[in-house]
PDB file of N, CA and C in Angstrom:
ATOM      1  N   UNK A   1      19.139  69.020  -8.028  1.00  0.00           N
ATOM      2  CA  UNK A   1      17.825  68.677  -8.545  1.00  0.00           C
ATOM      3  C   UNK A   1      17.676  67.156  -8.651  1.00  0.00           C
ATOM      4  N   UNK A   2      18.730  66.487  -9.089  1.00  0.00           N
ATOM      5  CA  UNK A   2      18.676  65.038  -9.226  1.00  0.00           C
ATOM      6  C   UNK A   2      18.481  64.372  -7.869  1.00  0.00           C
ATOM      7  N   UNK A   3      19.083  64.929  -6.842  1.00  0.00           N
ATOM      8  CA  UNK A   3      18.948  64.394  -5.491  1.00  0.00           C
ATOM      9  C   UNK A   3      17.491  64.443  -5.040  1.00  0.00           C
ATOM     10  N   UNK A   4      16.801  65.503  -5.395  1.00  0.00           N
ATOM     11  CA  UNK A   4      15.387  65.647  -5.043  1.00  0.00           C
ATOM     12  C   UNK A   4      14.560  64.545  -5.696  1.00  0.00           C
ATOM     13  N   UNK A   5      14.839  64.268  -6.959  1.00  0.00           N
ATOM     14  CA  UNK A   5      14.111  63.215  -7.671  1.00  0.00           C
ATOM     15  C   UNK A   5      14.410  61.844  -7.068  1.00  0.00           C
ATOM     16  N   UNK A   6      15.649  61.620  -6.659  1.00  0.00           N
ATOM     17  CA  UNK A   6      16.015  60.357  -6.021  1.00  0.00           C
ATOM     18  C   UNK A   6      15.273  60.180  -4.704  1.00  0.00           C
ATOM     19  N   UNK A   7      15.160  61.265  -3.936  1.00  0.00           N
ATOM     20  CA  UNK A   7      14.449  61.191  -2.659  1.00  0.00           C
ATOM     21  C   UNK A   7      12.963  60.922  -2.886  1.00  0.00           C
ATOM     22  N   UNK A   8      12.390  61.530  -3.907  1.00  0.00           N
ATOM     23  CA  UNK A   8      10.978  61.290  -4.215  1.00  0.00           C
ATOM     24  C   UNK A   8      10.759  59.841  -4.634  1.00  0.00           C
ATOM     25  N   UNK A   9      11.680  59.297  -5.423  1.00  0.00           N
ATOM     26  CA  UNK A   9      11.572  57.902  -5.838  1.00  0.00           C
ATOM     27  C   UNK A   9      11.719  56.976  -4.635  1.00  0.00           C
ATOM     28  N   UNK A  10      12.652  57.288  -3.751  1.00  0.00           N
ATOM     29  CA  UNK A  10      12.858  56.486  -2.530  1.00  0.00           C
ATOM     30  C   UNK A  10      11.599  56.520  -1.674  1.00  0.00           C
ATOM     31  N   UNK A  11      10.992  57.698  -1.546  1.00  0.00           N
ATOM     32  CA  UNK A  11       9.773  57.845  -0.765  1.00  0.00           C
ATOM     33  C   UNK A  11       8.648  56.992  -1.357  1.00  0.00           C
ATOM     34  N   UNK A  12       8.517  56.998  -2.654  1.00  0.00           N
ATOM     35  CA  UNK A  12       7.486  56.193  -3.310  1.00  0.00           C
ATOM     36  C   UNK A  12       7.731  54.704  -3.063  1.00  0.00           C
ATOM     37  N   UNK A  13       8.986  54.285  -3.143  1.00  0.00           N
ATOM     38  CA  UNK A  13       9.320  52.875  -2.880  1.00  0.00           C
ATOM     39  C   UNK A  13       8.995  52.485  -1.446  1.00  0.00           C
ATOM     40  N   UNK A  14       9.329  53.348  -0.503  1.00  0.00           N
ATOM     41  CA  UNK A  14       9.053  53.067   0.906  1.00  0.00           C
ATOM     42  C   UNK A  14       7.548  52.956   1.155  1.00  0.00           C
ATOM     43  N   UNK A  15       6.792  53.864   0.567  1.00  0.00           N
ATOM     44  CA  UNK A  15       5.333  53.834   0.750  1.00  0.00           C
ATOM     45  C   UNK A  15       4.720  52.581   0.142  1.00  0.00           C
ATOM     46  N   UNK A  16       5.249  52.154  -0.995  1.00  0.00           N
ATOM     47  CA  UNK A  16       4.757  50.935  -1.635  1.00  0.00           C
ATOM     48  C   UNK A  16       5.036  49.726  -0.755  1.00  0.00           C
ATOM     49  N   UNK A  17       6.251  49.648  -0.246  1.00  0.00           N
ATOM     50  CA  UNK A  17       6.603  48.519   0.624  1.00  0.00           C
ATOM     51  C   UNK A  17       5.748  48.524   1.894  1.00  0.00           C
ATOM     52  N   UNK A  18       5.484  49.709   2.433  1.00  0.00           N
ATOM     53  CA  UNK A  18       4.657  49.841   3.632  1.00  0.00           C
ATOM     54  C   UNK A  18       3.243  49.327   3.366  1.00  0.00           C
ATOM     55  N   UNK A  19       2.678  49.706   2.216  1.00  0.00           N
ATOM     56  CA  UNK A  19       1.338  49.238   1.829  1.00  0.00           C
ATOM     57  C   UNK A  19       1.321  47.726   1.617  1.00  0.00           C
ATOM     58  N   UNK A  20       2.373  47.217   0.982  1.00  0.00           N
ATOM     59  CA  UNK A  20       2.462  45.778   0.747  1.00  0.00           C
ATOM     60  C   UNK A  20       2.502  45.005   2.064  1.00  0.00           C
ATOM     61  N   UNK A  21       3.214  45.543   3.042  1.00  0.00           N
ATOM     62  CA  UNK A  21       3.260  44.890   4.349  1.00  0.00           C
ATOM     63  C   UNK A  21       1.890  44.875   5.003  1.00  0.00           C
ATOM     64  N   UNK A  22       1.105  45.925   4.802  1.00  0.00           N
ATOM     65  CA  UNK A  22      -0.278  45.935   5.303  1.00  0.00           C
ATOM     66  C   UNK A  22      -1.040  44.731   4.767  1.00  0.00           C
ATOM     67  N   UNK A  23      -0.903  44.488   3.473  1.00  0.00           N
ATOM     68  CA  UNK A  23      -1.596  43.365   2.837  1.00  0.00           C
ATOM     69  C   UNK A  23      -1.110  42.025   3.378  1.00  0.00           C
ATOM     70  N   UNK A  24       0.202  41.893   3.527  1.00  0.00           N
ATOM     71  CA  UNK A  24       0.765  40.643   4.025  1.00  0.00           C
ATOM     72  C   UNK A  24       0.289  40.378   5.447  1.00  0.00           C
ATOM     73  N   UNK A  25       0.287  41.404   6.277  1.00  0.00           N
ATOM     74  CA  UNK A  25      -0.158  41.253   7.672  1.00  0.00           C
ATOM     75  C   UNK A  25      -1.636  40.871   7.713  1.00  0.00           C
ATOM     76  N   UNK A  26      -2.443  41.514   6.893  1.00  0.00           N
ATOM     77  CA  UNK A  26      -3.879  41.208   6.856  1.00  0.00           C
ATOM     78  C   UNK A  26      -4.122  39.761   6.439  1.00  0.00           C
ATOM     79  N   UNK A  27      -3.391  39.288   5.424  1.00  0.00           N
ATOM     80  CA  UNK A  27      -3.556  37.895   4.984  1.00  0.00           C
ATOM     81  C   UNK A  27      -3.092  36.926   6.063  1.00  0.00           C
ATOM     82  N   UNK A  28      -2.022  37.273   6.751  1.00  0.00           N
ATOM     83  CA  UNK A  28      -1.506  36.412   7.815  1.00  0.00           C
ATOM     84  C   UNK A  28      -2.534  36.278   8.940  1.00  0.00           C
ATOM     85  N   UNK A  29      -3.192  37.369   9.282  1.00  0.00           N
ATOM     86  CA  UNK A  29      -4.183  37.352  10.354  1.00  0.00           C
ATOM     87  C   UNK A  29      -5.455  36.596   9.970  1.00  0.00           C
ATOM     88  N   UNK A  30      -5.719  36.466   8.667  1.00  0.00           N
ATOM     89  CA  UNK A  30      -6.903  35.740   8.219  1.00  0.00           C
ATOM     90  C   UNK A  30      -6.791  34.242   8.488  1.00  0.00           C
ATOM     91  N   UNK A  31      -5.578  33.740   8.491  1.00  0.00           N
ATOM     92  CA  UNK A  31      -5.368  32.317   8.746  1.00  0.00           C
ATOM     93  C   UNK A  31      -5.489  32.071  10.240  1.00  0.00           C
ATOM     94  N   UNK A  32      -6.242  31.046  10.612  1.00  0.00           N
ATOM     95  CA  UNK A  32      -6.525  30.784  12.027  1.00  0.00           C
ATOM     96  C   UNK A  32      -5.257  30.644  12.875  1.00  0.00           C
ATOM     97  N   UNK A  33      -4.475  29.609  12.706  1.00  0.00           N
ATOM     98  CA  UNK A  33      -3.225  29.591  13.479  1.00  0.00           C
ATOM     99  C   UNK A  33      -2.136  30.299  12.679  1.00  0.00           C
ATOM    100  N   UNK A  34      -1.676  31.454  13.169  1.00  0.00           N
ATOM    101  CA  UNK A  34      -0.631  32.174  12.449  1.00  0.00           C
ATOM    102  C   UNK A  34       0.619  32.274  13.319  1.00  0.00           C
ATOM    103  N   UNK A  35       1.720  32.473  12.667  1.00  0.00           N
ATOM    104  CA  UNK A  35       3.016  32.548  13.323  1.00  0.00           C
ATOM    105  C   UNK A  35       3.168  33.911  13.997  1.00  0.00           C
ATOM    106  N   UNK A  36       3.108  33.916  15.316  1.00  0.00           N
ATOM    107  CA  UNK A  36       3.182  35.158  16.080  1.00  0.00           C
ATOM    108  C   UNK A  36       4.525  35.867  15.875  1.00  0.00           C
ATOM    109  N   UNK A  37       5.594  35.106  15.801  1.00  0.00           N
ATOM    110  CA  UNK A  37       6.926  35.693  15.613  1.00  0.00           C
ATOM    111  C   UNK A  37       7.027  36.370  14.248  1.00  0.00           C
ATOM    112  N   UNK A  38       6.499  35.725  13.230  1.00  0.00           N
ATOM    113  CA  UNK A  38       6.507  36.324  11.897  1.00  0.00           C
ATOM    114  C   UNK A  38       5.699  37.613  11.886  1.00  0.00           C
ATOM    115  N   UNK A  39       4.560  37.603  12.552  1.00  0.00           N
ATOM    116  CA  UNK A  39       3.722  38.794  12.629  1.00  0.00           C
ATOM    117  C   UNK A  39       4.466  39.935  13.313  1.00  0.00           C
ATOM    118  N   UNK A  40       5.145  39.644  14.406  1.00  0.00           N
ATOM    119  CA  UNK A  40       5.907  40.674  15.108  1.00  0.00           C
ATOM    120  C   UNK A  40       7.012  41.250  14.229  1.00  0.00           C
ATOM    121  N   UNK A  41       7.676  40.391  13.488  1.00  0.00           N
ATOM    122  CA  UNK A  41       8.751  40.855  12.601  1.00  0.00           C
ATOM    123  C   UNK A  41       8.201  41.744  11.494  1.00  0.00           C
ATOM    124  N   UNK A  42       7.060  41.359  10.933  1.00  0.00           N
ATOM    125  CA  UNK A  42       6.451  42.166   9.881  1.00  0.00           C
ATOM    126  C   UNK A  42       6.024  43.536  10.419  1.00  0.00           C
ATOM    127  N   UNK A  43       5.438  43.547  11.607  1.00  0.00           N
ATOM    128  CA  UNK A  43       5.006  44.819  12.197  1.00  0.00           C
ATOM    129  C   UNK A  43       6.204  45.700  12.531  1.00  0.00           C
ATOM    130  N   UNK A  44       7.282  45.094  12.992  1.00  0.00           N
ATOM    131  CA  UNK A  44       8.486  45.870  13.295  1.00  0.00           C
ATOM    132  C   UNK A  44       9.060  46.473  12.014  1.00  0.00           C
ATOM    133  N   UNK A  45       9.087  45.685  10.947  1.00  0.00           N
ATOM    134  CA  UNK A  45       9.577  46.184   9.659  1.00  0.00           C
ATOM    135  C   UNK A  45       8.699  47.331   9.182  1.00  0.00           C
ATOM    136  N   UNK A  46       7.401  47.204   9.389  1.00  0.00           N
ATOM    137  CA  UNK A  46       6.466  48.253   8.982  1.00  0.00           C
ATOM    138  C   UNK A  46       6.731  49.549   9.754  1.00  0.00           C
ATOM    139  N   UNK A  47       7.003  49.424  11.047  1.00  0.00           N
ATOM    140  CA  UNK A  47       7.318  50.617  11.844  1.00  0.00           C
ATOM    141  C   UNK A  47       8.621  51.267  11.388  1.00  0.00           C
ATOM    142  N   UNK A  48       9.612  50.456  11.064  1.00  0.00           N
ATOM    143  CA  UNK A  48      10.875  51.002  10.570  1.00  0.00           C
ATOM    144  C   UNK A  48      10.670  51.729   9.243  1.00  0.00           C
ATOM    145  N   UNK A  49       9.828  51.163   8.392  1.00  0.00           N
ATOM    146  CA  UNK A  49       9.515  51.820   7.127  1.00  0.00           C
ATOM    147  C   UNK A  49       8.826  53.161   7.369  1.00  0.00           C
ATOM    148  N   UNK A  50       7.913  53.182   8.329  1.00  0.00           N
ATOM    149  CA  UNK A  50       7.205  54.427   8.644  1.00  0.00           C
ATOM    150  C   UNK A  50       8.185  55.501   9.104  1.00  0.00           C
ATOM    151  N   UNK A  51       9.157  55.104   9.931  1.00  0.00           N
ATOM    152  CA  UNK A  51      10.187  56.047  10.368  1.00  0.00           C
ATOM    153  C   UNK A  51      10.996  56.567   9.183  1.00  0.00           C
ATOM    154  N   UNK A  52      11.353  55.669   8.262  1.00  0.00           N
ATOM    155  CA  UNK A  52      12.098  56.079   7.073  1.00  0.00           C
ATOM    156  C   UNK A  52      11.272  57.026   6.211  1.00  0.00           C
ATOM    157  N   UNK A  53       9.981  56.732   6.077  1.00  0.00           N
ATOM    158  CA  UNK A  53       9.090  57.588   5.295  1.00  0.00           C
ATOM    159  C   UNK A  53       9.055  58.995   5.897  1.00  0.00           C
ATOM    160  N   UNK A  54       8.889  59.068   7.201  1.00  0.00           N
ATOM    161  CA  UNK A  54       8.837  60.377   7.861  1.00  0.00           C
ATOM    162  C   UNK A  54      10.159  61.130   7.716  1.00  0.00           C
ATOM    163  N   UNK A  55      11.257  60.403   7.778  1.00  0.00           N
ATOM    164  CA  UNK A  55      12.580  61.026   7.648  1.00  0.00           C
ATOM    165  C   UNK A  55      12.751  61.621   6.245  1.00  0.00           C
ATOM    166  N   UNK A  56      12.377  60.867   5.225  1.00  0.00           N
ATOM    167  CA  UNK A  56      12.511  61.357   3.849  1.00  0.00           C
ATOM    168  C   UNK A  56      11.558  62.526   3.611  1.00  0.00           C
ATOM    169  N   UNK A  57      10.327  62.404   4.110  1.00  0.00           N
ATOM    170  CA  UNK A  57       9.367  63.505   3.939  1.00  0.00           C
ATOM    171  C   UNK A  57       9.853  64.780   4.598  1.00  0.00           C
ATOM    172  N   UNK A  58      10.464  64.663   5.759  1.00  0.00           N
ATOM    173  CA  UNK A  58      10.951  65.859   6.445  1.00  0.00           C
ATOM    174  C   UNK A  58      12.110  66.503   5.680  1.00  0.00           C
ATOM    175  N   UNK A  59      12.887  65.708   4.952  1.00  0.00           N
ATOM    176  CA  UNK A  59      13.970  66.261   4.145  1.00  0.00           C
ATOM    177  C   UNK A  59      13.429  66.929   2.890  1.00  0.00           C
ATOM    178  N   UNK A  60      12.292  66.448   2.402  1.00  0.00           N
ATOM    179  CA  UNK A  60      11.704  67.018   1.188  1.00  0.00           C
ATOM    180  C   UNK A  60      10.984  68.332   1.472  1.00  0.00           C
ATOM    181  N   UNK A  61      10.429  68.465   2.676  1.00  0.00           N
ATOM    182  CA  UNK A  61       9.704  69.683   3.012  1.00  0.00           C
ATOM    183  C   UNK A  61      10.673  70.736   3.548  1.00  0.00           C
ATOM    184  N   UNK A  62      10.565  71.949   3.061  1.00  0.00           N
ATOM    185  CA  UNK A  62      11.464  72.992   3.565  1.00  0.00           C
ATOM    186  C   UNK A  62      11.113  73.346   5.008  1.00  0.00           C
ATOM    187  N   UNK A  63      12.114  73.723   5.752  1.00  0.00           N
ATOM    188  CA  UNK A  63      11.878  74.161   7.140  1.00  0.00           C
ATOM    189  C   UNK A  63      11.101  75.468   7.129  1.00  0.00           C
ATOM    190  N   UNK A  64      10.102  75.524   7.982  1.00  0.00           N
ATOM    191  CA  UNK A  64       9.296  76.732   8.090  1.00  0.00           C
ATOM    192  C   UNK A  64       9.662  77.416   9.405  1.00  0.00           C
ATOM    193  N   UNK A  65      10.119  78.611   9.299  1.00  0.00           N
ATOM    194  CA  UNK A  65      10.484  79.371  10.491  1.00  0.00           C
ATOM    195  C   UNK A  65       9.270  80.170  10.923  1.00  0.00           C
ATOM    196  N   UNK A  66       8.820  79.891  12.150  1.00  0.00           N
ATOM    197  CA  UNK A  66       7.618  80.568  12.647  1.00  0.00           C
ATOM    198  C   UNK A  66       7.972  81.844  13.346  1.00  0.00           C
TER     199      UNK A  66
END
């Protein structure tokens, strides 16, 4: 049971970080000359977070046998 709560907390943390990266990317794009390399790194981190989110969500949901 404790493991389930830890996974839910991890999922919430990942989603928060993912949302925060959205904000950072949006602010970066608002500035006229922006660092393209920094933008690429932020987007890559965001994609990795999305993969982690999906992985944790799939562990939280029970397998459905069709």
